[in-house]
Amino acid sequence: MQYFLQSTHSIIRWLVLLGAILAIALPYLANNEYANRLNRLPALFYVITCDIQLVIGVPLYFVYSSYGASAFHNGVNNVIHNESLRSIAIEHFAITVIAYIFVHIGYFKIRKAEKVANIRKIGLLYFSISIILMLSAIPWSRIMV
């Protein structure tokens, strides 16, 4: 089960990256002034892919992975001084949670935006911050797929 979840989590990161690119870039292609449902779809896709990633990542972190919460059974000191444990157990978890907060705040603000110009600004700000945080939190040395 751990291998399946980890592989799926690793593959879906590409959908998250695609979602971020679409959510940031596609509003700039809109030629209307006032926002409509179509202008908000890329942001919704980004939120959904992030939520799927979170749904897969939480059981992986808390139940299946020895690099997740179970790493703390040997003590916090052991996790902090072991770089491979720390990168997943602390840094990856904390930074991606912060990134998901930015994703959801950005989407909430986009849902309330009335003009496409506001969607562009909000998407650029919140989604850029979130994807930069996510990219910095990926354990690139442990990439499976």
C-alpha atoms as a PDB file:
ATOM      1  CA  MET A   1       0.000   0.000   0.000  1.00  0.00           C
ATOM      2  CA  GLN A   2       2.832   2.395   0.803  1.00  0.00           C
ATOM      3  CA  TYR A   3       4.404   1.937  -2.628  1.00  0.00           C
ATOM      4  CA  PHE A   4       1.058   2.522  -4.355  1.00  0.00           C
ATOM      5  CA  LEU A   5       0.328   5.689  -2.372  1.00  0.00           C
ATOM      6  CA  GLN A   6       3.850   6.997  -2.760  1.00  0.00           C
ATOM      7  CA  SER A   7       3.850   6.349  -6.518  1.00  0.00           C
ATOM      8  CA  THR A   8       0.445   7.975  -6.935  1.00  0.00           C
ATOM      9  CA  HIS A   9       1.517  10.923  -4.785  1.00  0.00           C
ATOM     10  CA  SER A  10       4.625  11.259  -6.929  1.00  0.00           C
ATOM     11  CA  ILE A  11       2.706  11.121 -10.224  1.00  0.00           C
ATOM     12  CA  ILE A  12      -0.005  13.560  -9.164  1.00  0.00           C
ATOM     13  CA  ARG A  13       2.585  16.225  -8.408  1.00  0.00           C
ATOM     14  CA  TRP A  14       2.805  16.739 -12.176  1.00  0.00           C
ATOM     15  CA  LEU A  15      -0.938  17.447 -12.300  1.00  0.00           C
ATOM     16  CA  VAL A  16      -0.483  19.915  -9.440  1.00  0.00           C
ATOM     17  CA  LEU A  17       2.281  21.655 -11.363  1.00  0.00           C
ATOM     18  CA  LEU A  18       0.142  21.714 -14.508  1.00  0.00           C
ATOM     19  CA  GLY A  19      -2.763  23.076 -12.448  1.00  0.00           C
ATOM     20  CA  ALA A  20      -0.599  25.871 -11.091  1.00  0.00           C
ATOM     21  CA  ILE A  21       0.656  26.821 -14.549  1.00  0.00           C
ATOM     22  CA  LEU A  22      -2.883  26.851 -15.938  1.00  0.00           C
ATOM     23  CA  ALA A  23      -4.277  28.797 -12.977  1.00  0.00           C
ATOM     24  CA  ILE A  24      -1.599  31.445 -13.347  1.00  0.00           C
ATOM     25  CA  ALA A  25      -1.412  31.685 -17.159  1.00  0.00           C
ATOM     26  CA  LEU A  26      -4.924  31.090 -18.535  1.00  0.00           C
ATOM     27  CA  PRO A  27      -6.585  34.179 -17.017  1.00  0.00           C
ATOM     28  CA  TYR A  28      -4.154  36.267 -19.078  1.00  0.00           C
ATOM     29  CA  LEU A  29      -5.677  34.785 -22.239  1.00  0.00           C
ATOM     30  CA  ALA A  30      -9.191  35.912 -21.323  1.00  0.00           C
ATOM     31  CA  ASN A  31     -10.405  38.817 -23.390  1.00  0.00           C
ATOM     32  CA  ASN A  32     -13.444  39.745 -21.309  1.00  0.00           C
ATOM     33  CA  GLU A  33     -13.446  42.330 -18.555  1.00  0.00           C
ATOM     34  CA  TYR A  34     -15.839  40.703 -16.096  1.00  0.00           C
ATOM     35  CA  ALA A  35     -15.160  37.329 -14.555  1.00  0.00           C
ATOM     36  CA  ASN A  36     -17.279  34.326 -15.370  1.00  0.00           C
ATOM     37  CA  ARG A  37     -17.241  30.671 -14.451  1.00  0.00           C
ATOM     38  CA  LEU A  38     -14.829  29.810 -17.265  1.00  0.00           C
ATOM     39  CA  ASN A  39     -12.214  32.236 -15.915  1.00  0.00           C
ATOM     40  CA  ARG A  40     -12.307  30.477 -12.547  1.00  0.00           C
ATOM     41  CA  LEU A  41     -11.974  26.902 -13.847  1.00  0.00           C
ATOM     42  CA  PRO A  42      -8.148  26.771 -13.942  1.00  0.00           C
ATOM     43  CA  ALA A  43      -8.024  27.829 -10.296  1.00  0.00           C
ATOM     44  CA  LEU A  44     -10.605  25.180  -9.428  1.00  0.00           C
ATOM     45  CA  PHE A  45      -8.533  22.536 -11.228  1.00  0.00           C
ATOM     46  CA  TYR A  46      -5.478  23.601  -9.227  1.00  0.00           C
ATOM     47  CA  VAL A  47      -7.377  23.400  -5.942  1.00  0.00           C
ATOM     48  CA  ILE A  48      -8.789  19.977  -6.783  1.00  0.00           C
ATOM     49  CA  THR A  49      -5.402  18.534  -7.733  1.00  0.00           C
ATOM     50  CA  CYS A  50      -3.894  19.926  -4.535  1.00  0.00           C
ATOM     51  CA  ASP A  51      -6.718  18.419  -2.490  1.00  0.00           C
ATOM     52  CA  ILE A  52      -6.249  15.019  -4.139  1.00  0.00           C
ATOM     53  CA  GLN A  53      -2.543  15.262  -3.384  1.00  0.00           C
ATOM     54  CA  LEU A  54      -3.359  16.073   0.231  1.00  0.00           C
ATOM     55  CA  VAL A  55      -5.832  13.190   0.536  1.00  0.00           C
ATOM     56  CA  ILE A  56      -3.140  10.793  -0.660  1.00  0.00           C
ATOM     57  CA  GLY A  57      -0.341  12.417   1.327  1.00  0.00           C
ATOM     58  CA  VAL A  58      -2.024  12.467   4.742  1.00  0.00           C
ATOM     59  CA  PRO A  59      -2.421   8.682   5.135  1.00  0.00           C
ATOM     60  CA  LEU A  60       1.002   8.225   3.618  1.00  0.00           C
ATOM     61  CA  TYR A  61       2.490  10.568   6.211  1.00  0.00           C
ATOM     62  CA  PHE A  62       0.548   9.429   9.260  1.00  0.00           C
ATOM     63  CA  VAL A  63       0.095   5.692   8.613  1.00  0.00           C
ATOM     64  CA  TYR A  64       2.251   4.084   5.937  1.00  0.00           C
ATOM     65  CA  SER A  65       5.559   5.879   5.609  1.00  0.00           C
ATOM     66  CA  SER A  66       8.482   5.403   7.947  1.00  0.00           C
ATOM     67  CA  TYR A  67       9.561   8.916   6.956  1.00  0.00           C
ATOM     68  CA  GLY A  68       6.335  10.457   8.233  1.00  0.00           C
ATOM     69  CA  ALA A  69       4.939  10.730  11.721  1.00  0.00           C
ATOM     70  CA  SER A  70       6.332   7.330  12.712  1.00  0.00           C
ATOM     71  CA  ALA A  71       9.854   8.775  12.386  1.00  0.00           C
ATOM     72  CA  PHE A  72       9.205  10.634  15.639  1.00  0.00           C
ATOM     73  CA  HIS A  73       8.952   7.373  17.624  1.00  0.00           C
ATOM     74  CA  ASN A  74      12.731   7.439  18.025  1.00  0.00           C
ATOM     75  CA  GLY A  75      12.578  11.012  19.267  1.00  0.00           C
ATOM     76  CA  VAL A  76      12.485  14.465  17.785  1.00  0.00           C
ATOM     77  CA  ASN A  77      16.236  14.814  18.211  1.00  0.00           C
ATOM     78  CA  ASN A  78      16.809  11.844  15.894  1.00  0.00           C
ATOM     79  CA  VAL A  79      14.586  13.374  13.218  1.00  0.00           C
ATOM     80  CA  ILE A  80      16.162  16.811  13.419  1.00  0.00           C
ATOM     81  CA  HIS A  81      19.718  15.480  13.070  1.00  0.00           C
ATOM     82  CA  ASN A  82      18.911  13.067  10.230  1.00  0.00           C
ATOM     83  CA  GLU A  83      18.597  15.054   7.002  1.00  0.00           C
ATOM     84  CA  SER A  84      16.540  12.503   5.055  1.00  0.00           C
ATOM     85  CA  LEU A  85      14.048  12.089   7.920  1.00  0.00           C
ATOM     86  CA  ARG A  86      13.846  15.826   8.566  1.00  0.00           C
ATOM     87  CA  SER A  87      13.204  16.699   4.931  1.00  0.00           C
ATOM     88  CA  ILE A  88      10.032  14.566   4.834  1.00  0.00           C
ATOM     89  CA  ALA A  89       8.862  14.457   8.453  1.00  0.00           C
ATOM     90  CA  ILE A  90       9.160  18.177   9.098  1.00  0.00           C
ATOM     91  CA  GLU A  91      10.020  20.302   6.064  1.00  0.00           C
ATOM     92  CA  HIS A  92       7.923  18.604   3.367  1.00  0.00           C
ATOM     93  CA  PHE A  93       4.883  18.362   5.609  1.00  0.00           C
ATOM     94  CA  ALA A  94       5.029  21.895   7.023  1.00  0.00           C
ATOM     95  CA  ILE A  95       5.871  23.704   3.798  1.00  0.00           C
ATOM     96  CA  THR A  96       3.207  21.939   1.747  1.00  0.00           C
ATOM     97  CA  VAL A  97       0.554  22.642   4.372  1.00  0.00           C
ATOM     98  CA  ILE A  98       1.475  26.335   4.155  1.00  0.00           C
ATOM     99  CA  ALA A  99       1.374  26.115   0.336  1.00  0.00           C
ATOM    100  CA  TYR A 100      -2.108  24.539   0.444  1.00  0.00           C
ATOM    101  CA  ILE A 101      -3.273  27.374   2.662  1.00  0.00           C
ATOM    102  CA  PHE A 102      -2.117  29.844  -0.021  1.00  0.00           C
ATOM    103  CA  VAL A 103      -3.904  27.788  -2.700  1.00  0.00           C
ATOM    104  CA  HIS A 104      -7.192  27.848  -0.820  1.00  0.00           C
ATOM    105  CA  ILE A 105      -6.974  31.515   0.139  1.00  0.00           C
ATOM    106  CA  GLY A 106      -6.231  32.381  -3.497  1.00  0.00           C
ATOM    107  CA  TYR A 107      -9.148  30.309  -4.759  1.00  0.00           C
ATOM    108  CA  PHE A 108     -11.500  31.820  -2.172  1.00  0.00           C
ATOM    109  CA  LYS A 109     -10.497  35.310  -3.322  1.00  0.00           C
ATOM    110  CA  ILE A 110     -10.840  34.339  -6.997  1.00  0.00           C
ATOM    111  CA  ARG A 111     -14.360  33.081  -6.365  1.00  0.00           C
ATOM    112  CA  LYS A 112     -15.236  36.517  -4.990  1.00  0.00           C
ATOM    113  CA  ALA A 113     -13.477  38.465  -7.770  1.00  0.00           C
ATOM    114  CA  GLU A 114     -15.733  40.268 -10.214  1.00  0.00           C
ATOM    115  CA  LYS A 115     -13.161  41.281 -12.813  1.00  0.00           C
ATOM    116  CA  VAL A 116     -10.685  39.176 -14.753  1.00  0.00           C
ATOM    117  CA  ALA A 117      -7.918  41.647 -13.857  1.00  0.00           C
ATOM    118  CA  ASN A 118      -8.452  40.781 -10.189  1.00  0.00           C
ATOM    119  CA  ILE A 119      -8.333  37.056 -10.982  1.00  0.00           C
ATOM    120  CA  ARG A 120      -5.015  37.616 -12.753  1.00  0.00           C
ATOM    121  CA  LYS A 121      -3.501  39.489  -9.812  1.00  0.00           C
ATOM    122  CA  ILE A 122      -4.788  37.094  -7.165  1.00  0.00           C
ATOM    123  CA  GLY A 123      -3.763  34.010  -9.129  1.00  0.00           C
ATOM    124  CA  LEU A 124      -0.321  35.353  -9.847  1.00  0.00           C
ATOM    125  CA  LEU A 125       0.299  36.250  -6.217  1.00  0.00           C
ATOM    126  CA  TYR A 126      -1.172  33.331  -4.294  1.00  0.00           C
ATOM    127  CA  PHE A 127      -0.591  30.530  -6.780  1.00  0.00           C
ATOM    128  CA  SER A 128       2.987  31.599  -7.513  1.00  0.00           C
ATOM    129  CA  ILE A 129       3.792  31.599  -3.811  1.00  0.00           C
ATOM    130  CA  SER A 130       2.134  28.219  -3.369  1.00  0.00           C
ATOM    131  CA  ILE A 131       3.917  26.509  -6.249  1.00  0.00           C
ATOM    132  CA  ILE A 132       7.290  27.951  -5.235  1.00  0.00           C
ATOM    133  CA  LEU A 133       6.733  26.601  -1.732  1.00  0.00           C
ATOM    134  CA  MET A 134       5.678  23.205  -3.081  1.00  0.00           C
ATOM    135  CA  LEU A 135       8.644  22.959  -5.420  1.00  0.00           C
ATOM    136  CA  SER A 136      10.987  23.809  -2.570  1.00  0.00           C
ATOM    137  CA  ALA A 137       9.426  21.110  -0.382  1.00  0.00           C
ATOM    138  CA  ILE A 138       9.643  18.241  -2.868  1.00  0.00           C
ATOM    139  CA  PRO A 139      12.276  15.725  -1.802  1.00  0.00           C
ATOM    140  CA  TRP A 140      14.011  15.685  -5.199  1.00  0.00           C
ATOM    141  CA  SER A 141      16.494  13.017  -4.109  1.00  0.00           C
ATOM    142  CA  ARG A 142      13.651  10.561  -3.453  1.00  0.00           C
ATOM    143  CA  ILE A 143      11.663  11.010  -6.664  1.00  0.00           C
ATOM    144  CA  MET A 144      10.022   7.736  -7.666  1.00  0.00           C
ATOM    145  CA  VAL A 145       8.375   8.544 -10.981  1.00  0.00           C
END
